[in-house]
Amino acid sequence: MGMWTIPMIITVILIIAVSYFLTAGVMKKARQRASATDTPINKMVKEHPVAMNPIIIMYLIFGLFAGIMIFYYWSIYGY
């Protein structure tokens, strides 16, 4: 096992967990809708459309993981 196996497993589990809970939340709200018409957009989504977007959240997690890897290699091997 390489040194990045454990961080990769943690990252994959984190991405799966966040995706599952966001998807489950959407499914729960979809079941609560009684009619076929669109519901009004939530106030939080209107004010912060990026905060509730799971794709952007996954890019942020990936960017954080990549940043940690870059910083680690920079600190070990220097400039």
PDB file of N, CA and C in Angstrom:
ATOM      1  N   MET A   1       0.838  -1.184   0.000  1.00  0.00           N
ATOM      2  CA  MET A   1       0.000   0.000   0.000  1.00  0.00           C
ATOM      3  C   MET A   1       0.875   1.236   0.000  1.00  0.00           C
ATOM      4  N   GLY A   2       0.528   2.158  -0.877  1.00  0.00           N
ATOM      5  CA  GLY A   2       1.268   3.396  -0.951  1.00  0.00           C
ATOM      6  C   GLY A   2       0.861   4.345   0.158  1.00  0.00           C
ATOM      7  N   MET A   3       1.583   5.441   0.259  1.00  0.00           N
ATOM      8  CA  MET A   3       1.298   6.380   1.332  1.00  0.00           C
ATOM      9  C   MET A   3       0.020   7.175   1.081  1.00  0.00           C
ATOM     10  N   TRP A   4      -0.510   7.152  -0.135  1.00  0.00           N
ATOM     11  CA  TRP A   4      -1.721   7.904  -0.444  1.00  0.00           C
ATOM     12  C   TRP A   4      -2.972   7.034  -0.419  1.00  0.00           C
ATOM     13  N   THR A   5      -2.845   5.776  -0.057  1.00  0.00           N
ATOM     14  CA  THR A   5      -4.009   4.891  -0.037  1.00  0.00           C
ATOM     15  C   THR A   5      -5.020   5.320   1.024  1.00  0.00           C
ATOM     16  N   ILE A   6      -4.566   5.559   2.231  1.00  0.00           N
ATOM     17  CA  ILE A   6      -5.466   5.948   3.323  1.00  0.00           C
ATOM     18  C   ILE A   6      -6.101   7.315   3.053  1.00  0.00           C
ATOM     19  N   PRO A   7      -5.335   8.363   2.655  1.00  0.00           N
ATOM     20  CA  PRO A   7      -5.991   9.633   2.336  1.00  0.00           C
ATOM     21  C   PRO A   7      -6.995   9.510   1.186  1.00  0.00           C
ATOM     22  N   MET A   8      -6.687   8.670   0.195  1.00  0.00           N
ATOM     23  CA  MET A   8      -7.619   8.489  -0.908  1.00  0.00           C
ATOM     24  C   MET A   8      -8.897   7.816  -0.427  1.00  0.00           C
ATOM     25  N   ILE A   9      -8.769   6.807   0.429  1.00  0.00           N
ATOM     26  CA  ILE A   9      -9.946   6.119   0.960  1.00  0.00           C
ATOM     27  C   ILE A   9     -10.800   7.083   1.777  1.00  0.00           C
ATOM     28  N   ILE A  10     -10.168   7.908   2.596  1.00  0.00           N
ATOM     29  CA  ILE A  10     -10.903   8.894   3.393  1.00  0.00           C
ATOM     30  C   ILE A  10     -11.618   9.885   2.488  1.00  0.00           C
ATOM     31  N   THR A  11     -10.945  10.360   1.442  1.00  0.00           N
ATOM     32  CA  THR A  11     -11.555  11.305   0.511  1.00  0.00           C
ATOM     33  C   THR A  11     -12.731  10.676  -0.218  1.00  0.00           C
ATOM     34  N   VAL A  12     -12.584   9.448  -0.672  1.00  0.00           N
ATOM     35  CA  VAL A  12     -13.675   8.765  -1.377  1.00  0.00           C
ATOM     36  C   VAL A  12     -14.867   8.577  -0.448  1.00  0.00           C
ATOM     37  N   ILE A  13     -14.620   8.172   0.787  1.00  0.00           N
ATOM     38  CA  ILE A  13     -15.716   8.002   1.746  1.00  0.00           C
ATOM     39  C   ILE A  13     -16.403   9.328   2.021  1.00  0.00           C
ATOM     40  N   LEU A  14     -15.632  10.403   2.145  1.00  0.00           N
ATOM     41  CA  LEU A  14     -16.206  11.727   2.366  1.00  0.00           C
ATOM     42  C   LEU A  14     -17.065  12.160   1.183  1.00  0.00           C
ATOM     43  N   ILE A  15     -16.579  11.966  -0.030  1.00  0.00           N
ATOM     44  CA  ILE A  15     -17.344  12.333  -1.224  1.00  0.00           C
ATOM     45  C   ILE A  15     -18.624  11.510  -1.317  1.00  0.00           C
ATOM     46  N   ILE A  16     -18.541  10.214  -1.050  1.00  0.00           N
ATOM     47  CA  ILE A  16     -19.731   9.365  -1.103  1.00  0.00           C
ATOM     48  C   ILE A  16     -20.743   9.789  -0.037  1.00  0.00           C
ATOM     49  N   ALA A  17     -20.279  10.088   1.168  1.00  0.00           N
ATOM     50  CA  ALA A  17     -21.186  10.479   2.250  1.00  0.00           C
ATOM     51  C   ALA A  17     -21.896  11.787   1.933  1.00  0.00           C
ATOM     52  N   VAL A  18     -21.147  12.794   1.483  1.00  0.00           N
ATOM     53  CA  VAL A  18     -21.758  14.081   1.153  1.00  0.00           C
ATOM     54  C   VAL A  18     -22.747  13.915   0.008  1.00  0.00           C
ATOM     55  N   SER A  19     -22.376  13.175  -1.018  1.00  0.00           N
ATOM     56  CA  SER A  19     -23.272  12.957  -2.154  1.00  0.00           C
ATOM     57  C   SER A  19     -24.537  12.229  -1.726  1.00  0.00           C
ATOM     58  N   TYR A  20     -24.392  11.217  -0.876  1.00  0.00           N
ATOM     59  CA  TYR A  20     -25.562  10.459  -0.422  1.00  0.00           C
ATOM     60  C   TYR A  20     -26.524  11.346   0.360  1.00  0.00           C
ATOM     61  N   PHE A  21     -26.004  12.124   1.322  1.00  0.00           N
ATOM     62  CA  PHE A  21     -26.884  12.940   2.142  1.00  0.00           C
ATOM     63  C   PHE A  21     -27.542  14.057   1.336  1.00  0.00           C
ATOM     64  N   LEU A  22     -26.826  14.655   0.389  1.00  0.00           N
ATOM     65  CA  LEU A  22     -27.452  15.670  -0.455  1.00  0.00           C
ATOM     66  C   LEU A  22     -28.515  15.053  -1.353  1.00  0.00           C
ATOM     67  N   THR A  23     -28.245  13.884  -1.916  1.00  0.00           N
ATOM     68  CA  THR A  23     -29.221  13.209  -2.763  1.00  0.00           C
ATOM     69  C   THR A  23     -30.425  12.761  -1.947  1.00  0.00           C
ATOM     70  N   ALA A  24     -30.199  12.241  -0.749  1.00  0.00           N
ATOM     71  CA  ALA A  24     -31.313  11.817   0.104  1.00  0.00           C
ATOM     72  C   ALA A  24     -32.191  13.004   0.481  1.00  0.00           C
ATOM     73  N   GLY A  25     -31.582  14.154   0.715  1.00  0.00           N
ATOM     74  CA  GLY A  25     -32.357  15.357   1.018  1.00  0.00           C
ATOM     75  C   GLY A  25     -33.233  15.783  -0.143  1.00  0.00           C
ATOM     76  N   VAL A  26     -32.695  15.706  -1.344  1.00  0.00           N
ATOM     77  CA  VAL A  26     -33.480  16.057  -2.529  1.00  0.00           C
ATOM     78  C   VAL A  26     -34.611  15.056  -2.723  1.00  0.00           C
ATOM     79  N   MET A  27     -34.329  13.772  -2.518  1.00  0.00           N
ATOM     80  CA  MET A  27     -35.364  12.751  -2.680  1.00  0.00           C
ATOM     81  C   MET A  27     -36.475  12.929  -1.651  1.00  0.00           C
ATOM     82  N   LYS A  28     -36.119  13.301  -0.426  1.00  0.00           N
ATOM     83  CA  LYS A  28     -37.122  13.506   0.613  1.00  0.00           C
ATOM     84  C   LYS A  28     -38.033  14.674   0.242  1.00  0.00           C
ATOM     85  N   LYS A  29     -37.448  15.755  -0.268  1.00  0.00           N
ATOM     86  CA  LYS A  29     -38.254  16.901  -0.669  1.00  0.00           C
ATOM     87  C   LYS A  29     -39.115  16.573  -1.881  1.00  0.00           C
ATOM     88  N   ALA A  30     -38.605  15.733  -2.782  1.00  0.00           N
ATOM     89  CA  ALA A  30     -39.385  15.357  -3.964  1.00  0.00           C
ATOM     90  C   ALA A  30     -40.596  14.521  -3.563  1.00  0.00           C
ATOM     91  N   ARG A  31     -40.464  13.680  -2.558  1.00  0.00           N
ATOM     92  CA  ARG A  31     -41.595  12.877  -2.089  1.00  0.00           C
ATOM     93  C   ARG A  31     -42.650  13.738  -1.421  1.00  0.00           C
ATOM     94  N   GLN A  32     -42.231  14.828  -0.791  1.00  0.00           N
ATOM     95  CA  GLN A  32     -43.172  15.683  -0.077  1.00  0.00           C
ATOM     96  C   GLN A  32     -44.027  16.515  -1.025  1.00  0.00           C
ATOM     97  N   ARG A  33     -43.574  16.689  -2.246  1.00  0.00           N
ATOM     98  CA  ARG A  33     -44.354  17.465  -3.210  1.00  0.00           C
ATOM     99  C   ARG A  33     -45.599  16.690  -3.609  1.00  0.00           C
ATOM    100  N   ALA A  34     -46.734  17.327  -3.474  1.00  0.00           N
ATOM    101  CA  ALA A  34     -47.982  16.647  -3.813  1.00  0.00           C
ATOM    102  C   ALA A  34     -48.392  16.920  -5.254  1.00  0.00           C
ATOM    103  N   SER A  35     -47.947  18.019  -5.798  1.00  0.00           N
ATOM    104  CA  SER A  35     -48.366  18.361  -7.156  1.00  0.00           C
ATOM    105  C   SER A  35     -47.185  18.290  -8.110  1.00  0.00           C
ATOM    106  N   ALA A  36     -47.485  18.387  -9.392  1.00  0.00           N
ATOM    107  CA  ALA A  36     -46.441  18.305 -10.414  1.00  0.00           C
ATOM    108  C   ALA A  36     -45.833  19.670 -10.718  1.00  0.00           C
ATOM    109  N   THR A  37     -46.356  20.709 -10.122  1.00  0.00           N
ATOM    110  CA  THR A  37     -45.822  22.046 -10.381  1.00  0.00           C
ATOM    111  C   THR A  37     -44.548  22.261  -9.579  1.00  0.00           C
ATOM    112  N   ASP A  38     -43.748  23.182 -10.038  1.00  0.00           N
ATOM    113  CA  ASP A  38     -42.500  23.494  -9.339  1.00  0.00           C
ATOM    114  C   ASP A  38     -42.796  24.213  -8.031  1.00  0.00           C
ATOM    115  N   THR A  39     -41.986  23.919  -7.057  1.00  0.00           N
ATOM    116  CA  THR A  39     -42.094  24.618  -5.783  1.00  0.00           C
ATOM    117  C   THR A  39     -41.214  25.860  -5.842  1.00  0.00           C
ATOM    118  N   PRO A  40     -41.502  26.841  -5.007  1.00  0.00           N
ATOM    119  CA  PRO A  40     -40.648  28.032  -5.006  1.00  0.00           C
ATOM    120  C   PRO A  40     -39.223  27.684  -4.576  1.00  0.00           C
ATOM    121  N   ILE A  41     -38.284  28.453  -5.083  1.00  0.00           N
ATOM    122  CA  ILE A  41     -36.874  28.220  -4.755  1.00  0.00           C
ATOM    123  C   ILE A  41     -36.633  28.610  -3.303  1.00  0.00           C
ATOM    124  N   ASN A  42     -35.925  27.758  -2.598  1.00  0.00           N
ATOM    125  CA  ASN A  42     -35.607  27.977  -1.197  1.00  0.00           C
ATOM    126  C   ASN A  42     -34.829  29.286  -1.036  1.00  0.00           C
ATOM    127  N   LYS A  43     -35.041  29.982   0.092  1.00  0.00           N
ATOM    128  CA  LYS A  43     -34.370  31.261   0.337  1.00  0.00           C
ATOM    129  C   LYS A  43     -32.850  31.097   0.389  1.00  0.00           C
ATOM    130  N   MET A  44     -32.376  30.008   1.005  1.00  0.00           N
ATOM    131  CA  MET A  44     -30.926  29.791   1.095  1.00  0.00           C
ATOM    132  C   MET A  44     -30.319  29.593  -0.288  1.00  0.00           C
ATOM    133  N   VAL A  45     -31.015  28.884  -1.159  1.00  0.00           N
ATOM    134  CA  VAL A  45     -30.508  28.657  -2.513  1.00  0.00           C
ATOM    135  C   VAL A  45     -30.516  29.958  -3.304  1.00  0.00           C
ATOM    136  N   LYS A  46     -31.530  30.797  -3.089  1.00  0.00           N
ATOM    137  CA  LYS A  46     -31.570  32.095  -3.773  1.00  0.00           C
ATOM    138  C   LYS A  46     -30.388  32.967  -3.357  1.00  0.00           C
ATOM    139  N   GLU A  47     -30.087  32.965  -2.061  1.00  0.00           N
ATOM    140  CA  GLU A  47     -29.017  33.829  -1.559  1.00  0.00           C
ATOM    141  C   GLU A  47     -27.628  33.253  -1.829  1.00  0.00           C
ATOM    142  N   HIS A  48     -27.496  31.925  -1.784  1.00  0.00           N
ATOM    143  CA  HIS A  48     -26.204  31.262  -1.966  1.00  0.00           C
ATOM    144  C   HIS A  48     -26.364  30.073  -2.910  1.00  0.00           C
ATOM    145  N   PRO A  49     -26.479  30.307  -4.220  1.00  0.00           N
ATOM    146  CA  PRO A  49     -26.717  29.184  -5.135  1.00  0.00           C
ATOM    147  C   PRO A  49     -25.553  28.197  -5.195  1.00  0.00           C
ATOM    148  N   VAL A  50     -24.356  28.621  -4.837  1.00  0.00           N
ATOM    149  CA  VAL A  50     -23.199  27.731  -4.897  1.00  0.00           C
ATOM    150  C   VAL A  50     -23.174  26.792  -3.690  1.00  0.00           C
ATOM    151  N   ALA A  51     -23.718  27.226  -2.561  1.00  0.00           N
ATOM    152  CA  ALA A  51     -23.626  26.451  -1.324  1.00  0.00           C
ATOM    153  C   ALA A  51     -24.362  25.123  -1.396  1.00  0.00           C
ATOM    154  N   MET A  52     -25.403  25.029  -2.185  1.00  0.00           N
ATOM    155  CA  MET A  52     -26.201  23.805  -2.235  1.00  0.00           C
ATOM    156  C   MET A  52     -25.923  22.985  -3.492  1.00  0.00           C
ATOM    157  N   ASN A  53     -24.849  23.278  -4.208  1.00  0.00           N
ATOM    158  CA  ASN A  53     -24.536  22.562  -5.439  1.00  0.00           C
ATOM    159  C   ASN A  53     -23.529  21.454  -5.131  1.00  0.00           C
ATOM    160  N   PRO A  54     -23.945  20.182  -5.207  1.00  0.00           N
ATOM    161  CA  PRO A  54     -23.032  19.096  -4.822  1.00  0.00           C
ATOM    162  C   PRO A  54     -21.812  18.963  -5.725  1.00  0.00           C
ATOM    163  N   ILE A  55     -21.920  19.352  -6.982  1.00  0.00           N
ATOM    164  CA  ILE A  55     -20.766  19.257  -7.880  1.00  0.00           C
ATOM    165  C   ILE A  55     -19.680  20.234  -7.441  1.00  0.00           C
ATOM    166  N   ILE A  56     -20.076  21.446  -7.092  1.00  0.00           N
ATOM    167  CA  ILE A  56     -19.099  22.436  -6.631  1.00  0.00           C
ATOM    168  C   ILE A  56     -18.487  21.992  -5.304  1.00  0.00           C
ATOM    169  N   ILE A  57     -19.292  21.388  -4.433  1.00  0.00           N
ATOM    170  CA  ILE A  57     -18.765  20.889  -3.165  1.00  0.00           C
ATOM    171  C   ILE A  57     -17.711  19.815  -3.417  1.00  0.00           C
ATOM    172  N   MET A  58     -17.956  18.932  -4.384  1.00  0.00           N
ATOM    173  CA  MET A  58     -16.980  17.881  -4.694  1.00  0.00           C
ATOM    174  C   MET A  58     -15.691  18.472  -5.265  1.00  0.00           C
ATOM    175  N   TYR A  59     -15.804  19.519  -6.104  1.00  0.00           N
ATOM    176  CA  TYR A  59     -14.605  20.190  -6.603  1.00  0.00           C
ATOM    177  C   TYR A  59     -13.816  20.813  -5.451  1.00  0.00           C
ATOM    178  N   LEU A  60     -14.502  21.376  -4.471  1.00  0.00           N
ATOM    179  CA  LEU A  60     -13.808  21.961  -3.324  1.00  0.00           C
ATOM    180  C   LEU A  60     -13.077  20.891  -2.514  1.00  0.00           C
ATOM    181  N   ILE A  61     -13.725  19.744  -2.309  1.00  0.00           N
ATOM    182  CA  ILE A  61     -13.067  18.655  -1.578  1.00  0.00           C
ATOM    183  C   ILE A  61     -11.847  18.169  -2.350  1.00  0.00           C
ATOM    184  N   PHE A  62     -11.992  18.000  -3.672  1.00  0.00           N
ATOM    185  CA  PHE A  62     -10.857  17.567  -4.484  1.00  0.00           C
ATOM    186  C   PHE A  62      -9.735  18.601  -4.449  1.00  0.00           C
ATOM    187  N   GLY A  63     -10.081  19.878  -4.550  1.00  0.00           N
ATOM    188  CA  GLY A  63      -9.069  20.932  -4.501  1.00  0.00           C
ATOM    189  C   GLY A  63      -8.330  20.957  -3.175  1.00  0.00           C
ATOM    190  N   LEU A  64      -9.063  20.743  -2.090  1.00  0.00           N
ATOM    191  CA  LEU A  64      -8.429  20.685  -0.780  1.00  0.00           C
ATOM    192  C   LEU A  64      -7.471  19.503  -0.694  1.00  0.00           C
ATOM    193  N   PHE A  65      -7.901  18.341  -1.166  1.00  0.00           N
ATOM    194  CA  PHE A  65      -7.055  17.148  -1.142  1.00  0.00           C
ATOM    195  C   PHE A  65      -5.815  17.355  -2.010  1.00  0.00           C
ATOM    196  N   ALA A  66      -5.994  17.912  -3.211  1.00  0.00           N
ATOM    197  CA  ALA A  66      -4.850  18.162  -4.092  1.00  0.00           C
ATOM    198  C   ALA A  66      -3.904  19.188  -3.473  1.00  0.00           C
ATOM    199  N   GLY A  67      -4.461  20.209  -2.829  1.00  0.00           N
ATOM    200  CA  GLY A  67      -3.630  21.207  -2.163  1.00  0.00           C
ATOM    201  C   GLY A  67      -2.807  20.614  -1.037  1.00  0.00           C
ATOM    202  N   ILE A  68      -3.407  19.710  -0.286  1.00  0.00           N
ATOM    203  CA  ILE A  68      -2.673  19.043   0.792  1.00  0.00           C
ATOM    204  C   ILE A  68      -1.539  18.204   0.214  1.00  0.00           C
ATOM    205  N   MET A  69      -1.803  17.496  -0.883  1.00  0.00           N
ATOM    206  CA  MET A  69      -0.751  16.688  -1.516  1.00  0.00           C
ATOM    207  C   MET A  69       0.386  17.571  -2.022  1.00  0.00           C
ATOM    208  N   ILE A  70       0.051  18.672  -2.676  1.00  0.00           N
ATOM    209  CA  ILE A  70       1.077  19.578  -3.200  1.00  0.00           C
ATOM    210  C   ILE A  70       1.901  20.162  -2.056  1.00  0.00           C
ATOM    211  N   PHE A  71       1.225  20.604  -0.999  1.00  0.00           N
ATOM    212  CA  PHE A  71       1.945  21.154   0.143  1.00  0.00           C
ATOM    213  C   PHE A  71       2.853  20.104   0.793  1.00  0.00           C
ATOM    214  N   TYR A  72       2.368  18.880   0.889  1.00  0.00           N
ATOM    215  CA  TYR A  72       3.161  17.803   1.484  1.00  0.00           C
ATOM    216  C   TYR A  72       4.435  17.570   0.677  1.00  0.00           C
ATOM    217  N   TYR A  73       4.293  17.417  -0.633  1.00  0.00           N
ATOM    218  CA  TYR A  73       5.480  17.186  -1.458  1.00  0.00           C
ATOM    219  C   TYR A  73       6.417  18.387  -1.443  1.00  0.00           C
ATOM    220  N   TRP A  74       5.871  19.590  -1.403  1.00  0.00           N
ATOM    221  CA  TRP A  74       6.704  20.786  -1.339  1.00  0.00           C
ATOM    222  C   TRP A  74       7.491  20.810  -0.029  1.00  0.00           C
ATOM    223  N   SER A  75       6.833  20.440   1.079  1.00  0.00           N
ATOM    224  CA  SER A  75       7.527  20.480   2.366  1.00  0.00           C
ATOM    225  C   SER A  75       8.580  19.372   2.487  1.00  0.00           C
ATOM    226  N   ILE A  76       8.365  18.245   1.820  1.00  0.00           N
ATOM    227  CA  ILE A  76       9.330  17.141   1.882  1.00  0.00           C
ATOM    228  C   ILE A  76      10.525  17.399   0.964  1.00  0.00           C
ATOM    229  N   TYR A  77      10.253  17.766  -0.288  1.00  0.00           N
ATOM    230  CA  TYR A  77      11.314  17.860  -1.289  1.00  0.00           C
ATOM    231  C   TYR A  77      11.800  19.282  -1.542  1.00  0.00           C
ATOM    232  N   GLY A  78      11.134  20.263  -1.009  1.00  0.00           N
ATOM    233  CA  GLY A  78      11.569  21.641  -1.190  1.00  0.00           C
ATOM    234  C   GLY A  78      11.152  22.208  -2.532  1.00  0.00           C
ATOM    235  N   TYR A  79      11.681  23.391  -2.838  1.00  0.00           N
ATOM    236  CA  TYR A  79      11.273  24.127  -4.032  1.00  0.00           C
ATOM    237  C   TYR A  79      11.953  23.649  -5.237  1.00  0.00           C
TER     238      TYR A  79
END
